[in-house]
Protein backbone atom coordinates (compact mmCIF):
# COMPACT_ATOMS: atom_id res chain seq x y z
CA UNK A 1 0.00 0.00 0.00
CA UNK A 2 2.78 2.45 0.87
CA UNK A 3 4.49 2.09 -2.54
CA UNK A 4 1.46 3.34 -4.55
CA UNK A 5 1.03 6.24 -2.12
CA UNK A 6 4.71 7.16 -2.49
CA UNK A 7 4.55 6.98 -6.29
CA UNK A 8 1.44 9.18 -6.32
CA UNK A 9 3.14 11.75 -4.07
CA UNK A 10 6.29 11.81 -6.24
CA UNK A 11 4.19 12.15 -9.41
CA UNK A 12 2.28 15.10 -7.93
CA UNK A 13 5.52 16.82 -6.92
CA UNK A 14 7.24 16.36 -10.28
CA UNK A 15 4.26 17.15 -12.53
CA UNK A 16 3.30 20.21 -10.50
CA UNK A 17 6.85 21.55 -10.53
CA UNK A 18 7.06 21.24 -14.31
CA UNK A 19 3.69 22.91 -14.82
CA UNK A 20 4.47 25.75 -12.43
CA UNK A 21 7.87 26.44 -13.99
CA UNK A 22 6.18 26.68 -17.36
CA UNK A 23 3.70 29.24 -16.03
CA UNK A 24 6.07 30.92 -13.53
CA UNK A 25 6.53 34.63 -13.06
CA UNK A 26 10.09 35.66 -13.88
CA UNK A 27 10.08 38.40 -11.23
CA UNK A 28 9.78 35.88 -8.41
CA UNK A 29 11.49 32.87 -9.90
CA UNK A 30 14.89 33.62 -8.41
CA UNK A 31 13.68 34.62 -4.95
CA UNK A 32 14.57 32.32 -2.07
CA UNK A 33 12.82 32.01 1.28
CA UNK A 34 14.47 30.50 4.34
CA UNK A 35 12.85 29.82 7.67
CA UNK A 36 13.06 28.17 11.06
CA UNK A 37 10.27 26.23 12.72
CA UNK A 38 9.22 24.18 15.71
CA UNK A 39 7.00 21.19 15.00
CA UNK A 40 6.06 17.71 16.11
CA UNK A 41 8.85 16.56 13.76
CA UNK A 42 11.38 18.57 15.80
CA UNK A 43 13.26 21.85 15.46
CA UNK A 44 13.79 22.51 11.79
CA UNK A 45 14.72 24.73 8.88
CA UNK A 46 13.07 25.21 5.49
CA UNK A 47 14.15 26.58 2.11
CA UNK A 48 11.63 27.45 -0.62
CA UNK A 49 11.64 28.88 -4.15
CA UNK A 50 8.61 30.12 -6.11
CA UNK A 51 7.49 28.33 -9.27
CA UNK A 52 4.73 30.73 -10.26
CA UNK A 53 2.43 33.16 -8.50
CA UNK A 54 0.59 30.40 -6.61
CA UNK A 55 3.13 27.67 -5.92
CA UNK A 56 6.47 27.07 -4.20
CA UNK A 57 8.79 24.09 -3.99
CA UNK A 58 10.02 23.63 -0.43
CA UNK A 59 12.54 21.40 1.33
CA UNK A 60 13.18 21.04 5.03
CA UNK A 61 15.09 19.19 7.74
CA UNK A 62 14.09 18.44 11.33
CA UNK A 63 15.81 17.11 14.45
CA UNK A 64 15.04 16.71 18.17
CA UNK A 65 15.61 14.32 21.09
CA UNK A 66 13.41 13.69 24.11
CA UNK A 67 14.22 11.16 26.85
CA UNK A 68 12.32 9.63 29.75
CA UNK A 69 12.26 6.39 31.73
CA UNK A 70 9.28 4.03 31.95
CA UNK A 71 8.53 0.56 33.33
CA UNK A 72 6.78 -2.28 31.52
CA UNK A 73 6.32 -5.79 32.94
CA UNK A 74 9.05 -5.23 35.54
CA UNK A 75 11.62 -4.06 32.95
CA UNK A 76 12.91 -0.49 33.28
CA UNK A 77 13.36 1.19 29.90
CA UNK A 78 15.40 4.34 29.36
CA UNK A 79 13.57 5.64 26.30
CA UNK A 80 14.57 8.32 23.81
CA UNK A 81 12.37 9.76 21.07
CA UNK A 82 14.92 10.33 18.30
CA UNK A 83 13.52 12.67 15.64
CA UNK A 84 15.49 13.00 12.39
CA UNK A 85 13.80 13.72 9.04
CA UNK A 86 13.96 15.57 5.73
CA UNK A 87 11.01 16.50 3.54
CA UNK A 88 10.17 17.81 0.07
CA UNK A 89 6.84 19.56 -0.58
CA UNK A 90 4.93 21.59 -3.13
CA UNK A 91 2.97 24.50 -1.61
CA UNK A 92 -0.20 25.40 -3.52
CA UNK A 93 -1.91 28.75 -2.79
CA UNK A 94 -5.34 28.20 -4.39
CA UNK A 95 -6.73 31.65 -3.53
CA UNK A 96 -3.48 33.55 -4.03
CA UNK A 97 -3.34 34.37 -0.31
CA UNK A 98 -1.58 32.68 2.58
CA UNK A 99 -3.71 29.52 2.72
CA UNK A 100 -1.86 26.59 1.20
CA UNK A 101 -2.18 22.88 0.51
CA UNK A 102 1.13 21.03 0.56
CA UNK A 103 1.49 17.43 -0.67
CA UNK A 104 4.94 15.97 -0.27
CA UNK A 105 7.22 13.22 0.94
CA UNK A 106 9.41 12.59 3.96
CA UNK A 107 12.37 11.66 1.77
CA UNK A 108 14.22 10.54 4.92
CA UNK A 109 12.31 9.35 7.98
CA UNK A 110 14.74 8.55 10.78
CA UNK A 111 12.16 9.05 13.52
CA UNK A 112 12.77 6.29 16.04
CA UNK A 113 12.08 5.37 19.65
CA UNK A 114 15.23 3.89 21.20
CA UNK A 115 15.44 2.35 24.65
CA UNK A 116 17.88 0.66 26.97
CA UNK A 117 16.48 -2.16 29.11
CA UNK A 118 17.47 -3.14 32.64
CA UNK A 119 16.15 -5.41 35.37
CA UNK A 120 18.17 -4.97 38.60
CA UNK A 121 19.56 -8.20 40.02
CA UNK A 122 17.09 -9.98 42.30
CA UNK A 123 14.02 -8.28 40.79
CA UNK A 124 11.23 -10.24 39.08
CA UNK A 125 10.01 -9.41 35.58
CA UNK A 126 7.65 -10.78 32.94
CA UNK A 127 8.32 -11.83 29.36
CA UNK A 128 5.40 -13.08 27.32
CA UNK A 129 3.41 -15.06 29.87
CA UNK A 130 6.39 -16.18 31.97
CA UNK A 131 7.84 -14.70 35.16
CA UNK A 132 11.58 -14.62 35.78
CA UNK A 133 14.09 -13.43 38.34
CA UNK A 134 17.01 -11.28 37.15
CA UNK A 135 20.23 -13.03 38.20
CA UNK A 136 22.04 -10.84 40.81
CA UNK A 137 25.38 -12.07 39.41
CA UNK A 138 24.46 -11.28 35.80
CA UNK A 139 21.41 -8.95 35.64
CA UNK A 140 19.14 -8.74 32.63
CA UNK A 141 20.00 -5.84 30.30
CA UNK A 142 19.57 -4.95 26.66
CA UNK A 143 18.10 -2.54 24.14
CA UNK A 144 14.94 -1.99 22.14
CA UNK A 145 13.82 0.07 19.17
CA UNK A 146 10.60 1.15 17.46
CA UNK A 147 10.94 2.16 13.81
CA UNK A 148 8.72 3.01 10.81
CA UNK A 149 9.15 3.30 7.02
CA UNK A 150 12.20 5.30 5.96
CA UNK A 151 10.18 7.15 3.28
CA UNK A 152 6.64 8.41 3.92
CA UNK A 153 4.06 10.43 1.93
CA UNK A 154 2.73 13.47 3.76
CA UNK A 155 0.03 16.12 3.38
CA UNK A 156 -0.07 19.51 5.12
CA UNK A 157 -2.54 22.38 5.22
CA UNK A 158 -1.61 25.79 6.53
CA UNK A 159 -1.40 29.54 6.45
CA UNK A 160 1.63 31.60 5.47
CA UNK A 161 4.10 31.77 2.59
CA UNK A 162 7.84 31.31 3.02
CA UNK A 163 8.36 33.27 -0.22
CA UNK A 164 5.81 36.13 0.06
CA UNK A 165 5.44 37.98 -3.23
CA UNK A 166 5.16 41.52 -1.78
CA UNK A 167 7.21 41.49 1.48
CA UNK A 168 10.21 39.85 3.14
CA UNK A 169 9.14 38.49 6.55
CA UNK A 170 6.62 35.68 7.01
CA UNK A 171 4.92 33.63 9.71
CA UNK A 172 3.45 30.21 8.94
CA UNK A 173 1.28 27.66 10.72
CA UNK A 174 0.69 24.16 9.38
CA UNK A 175 -1.06 20.95 10.35
CA UNK A 176 -1.37 17.58 8.68
CA UNK A 177 0.15 14.12 8.78
CA UNK A 178 2.94 11.85 7.57
CA UNK A 179 1.79 8.35 6.58
CA UNK A 180 4.74 6.35 7.91
CA UNK A 181 3.16 2.89 8.10
CA UNK A 182 2.94 0.37 10.94
CA UNK A 183 5.68 0.76 13.59
CA UNK A 184 7.93 -2.26 14.18
CA UNK A 185 9.54 -3.12 17.52
CA UNK A 186 12.74 -5.01 18.27
CA UNK A 187 14.04 -6.13 21.69
CA UNK A 188 17.44 -7.68 22.42
CA UNK A 189 18.22 -8.94 25.92
CA UNK A 190 21.41 -10.20 27.54
CA UNK A 191 22.23 -11.35 31.05
CA UNK A 192 20.76 -14.27 32.95
CA UNK A 193 17.09 -15.02 33.64
CA UNK A 194 16.32 -17.40 36.53
CA UNK A 195 13.19 -19.15 37.68
CA UNK A 196 11.53 -17.55 40.71
CA UNK A 197 13.50 -19.78 43.09
CA UNK A 198 16.72 -18.33 41.68
CA UNK A 199 18.18 -21.80 41.15
CA UNK A 200 17.71 -22.53 37.44
CA UNK A 201 19.24 -19.67 35.38
CA UNK A 202 19.43 -19.31 31.59
CA UNK A 203 21.33 -17.08 29.19
CA UNK A 204 18.66 -14.63 27.94
CA UNK A 205 20.47 -14.08 24.64
CA UNK A 206 20.66 -17.75 23.60
CA UNK A 207 18.12 -19.83 25.51
CA UNK A 208 15.27 -20.87 23.16
CA UNK A 209 12.57 -20.64 25.84
CA UNK A 210 13.62 -17.16 26.95
CA UNK A 211 13.95 -16.02 23.32
CA UNK A 212 10.45 -17.31 22.58
CA UNK A 213 9.13 -15.18 25.44
CA UNK A 214 11.15 -12.19 24.21
CA UNK A 215 9.39 -12.56 20.86
CA UNK A 216 6.03 -12.71 22.66
CA UNK A 217 6.93 -9.42 24.36
CA UNK A 218 7.85 -7.90 20.99
CA UNK A 219 4.52 -9.07 19.60
CA UNK A 220 2.73 -7.25 22.44
CA UNK A 221 4.70 -4.08 21.73
CA UNK A 222 3.86 -4.31 18.01
CA UNK A 223 0.18 -4.79 18.79
CA UNK A 224 0.18 -1.69 21.01
CA UNK A 225 1.93 0.36 18.31
CA UNK A 226 -0.13 -0.94 15.35
CA UNK A 227 -2.76 1.88 15.37
CA UNK A 228 -0.07 4.57 14.98
CA UNK A 229 0.32 4.35 11.20
CA UNK A 230 -0.10 8.11 10.81
CA UNK A 231 2.17 10.65 12.47
CA UNK A 232 0.49 14.02 13.21
CA UNK A 233 2.39 17.12 12.08
CA UNK A 234 1.80 20.56 13.64
CA UNK A 235 4.24 23.37 12.88
CA UNK A 236 4.87 27.06 13.62
CA UNK A 237 7.58 28.85 11.65
CA UNK A 238 9.17 32.20 10.80
CA UNK A 239 10.85 33.08 7.54
CA UNK A 240 12.61 35.70 5.44
CA UNK A 241 12.67 36.11 1.65
CA UNK A 242 15.86 37.17 -0.13
């Protein structure tokens, strides 16, 4: 499903750019607008050029990190939301004013949730439907990750023009979504997992039974993340036209 959506988005971008260049206004064609923004994709910067009186081509990059700890099934995760992306869009101004419709593509989607995992020695935890005790001599530890498609179609609506035709400064507000597909989780554990008596201990990285329960835990994470196929985008930016 995501391949047809991506092809449609790329076709819209390329065909619109060609059409707008053919109809463009030579007085604005060599103007350049640059801007900074804060959005749900991170802190970013944009660059845009006009391709006619009612269209721009725009590219942007975004980056941000946010970290917090959380517990799940007795495992303490040190999680980081790692936002890294780059986008290409065509801004249409159907009324000639600031309102715009912007189809485009996240040409690089590095947005990821990363996490370290730790169960202090002597503490119980759950994997799948099994309970274990973290070996005090070799505690359970590891890492996890939640990722989505590296390329994602997107659609934004908003107000403002990074390359205003009659002034230099601009303010823009946008909202929309990136269609990044179903998130996928991975979880790798090391250390030693013991039965609740603490007598029978197994290597979490190699034992088939423990690994089967790790996969069950991953399946639960994937099920929880499955509804989040669309990433909401809200943005506020400021720009200047040269």
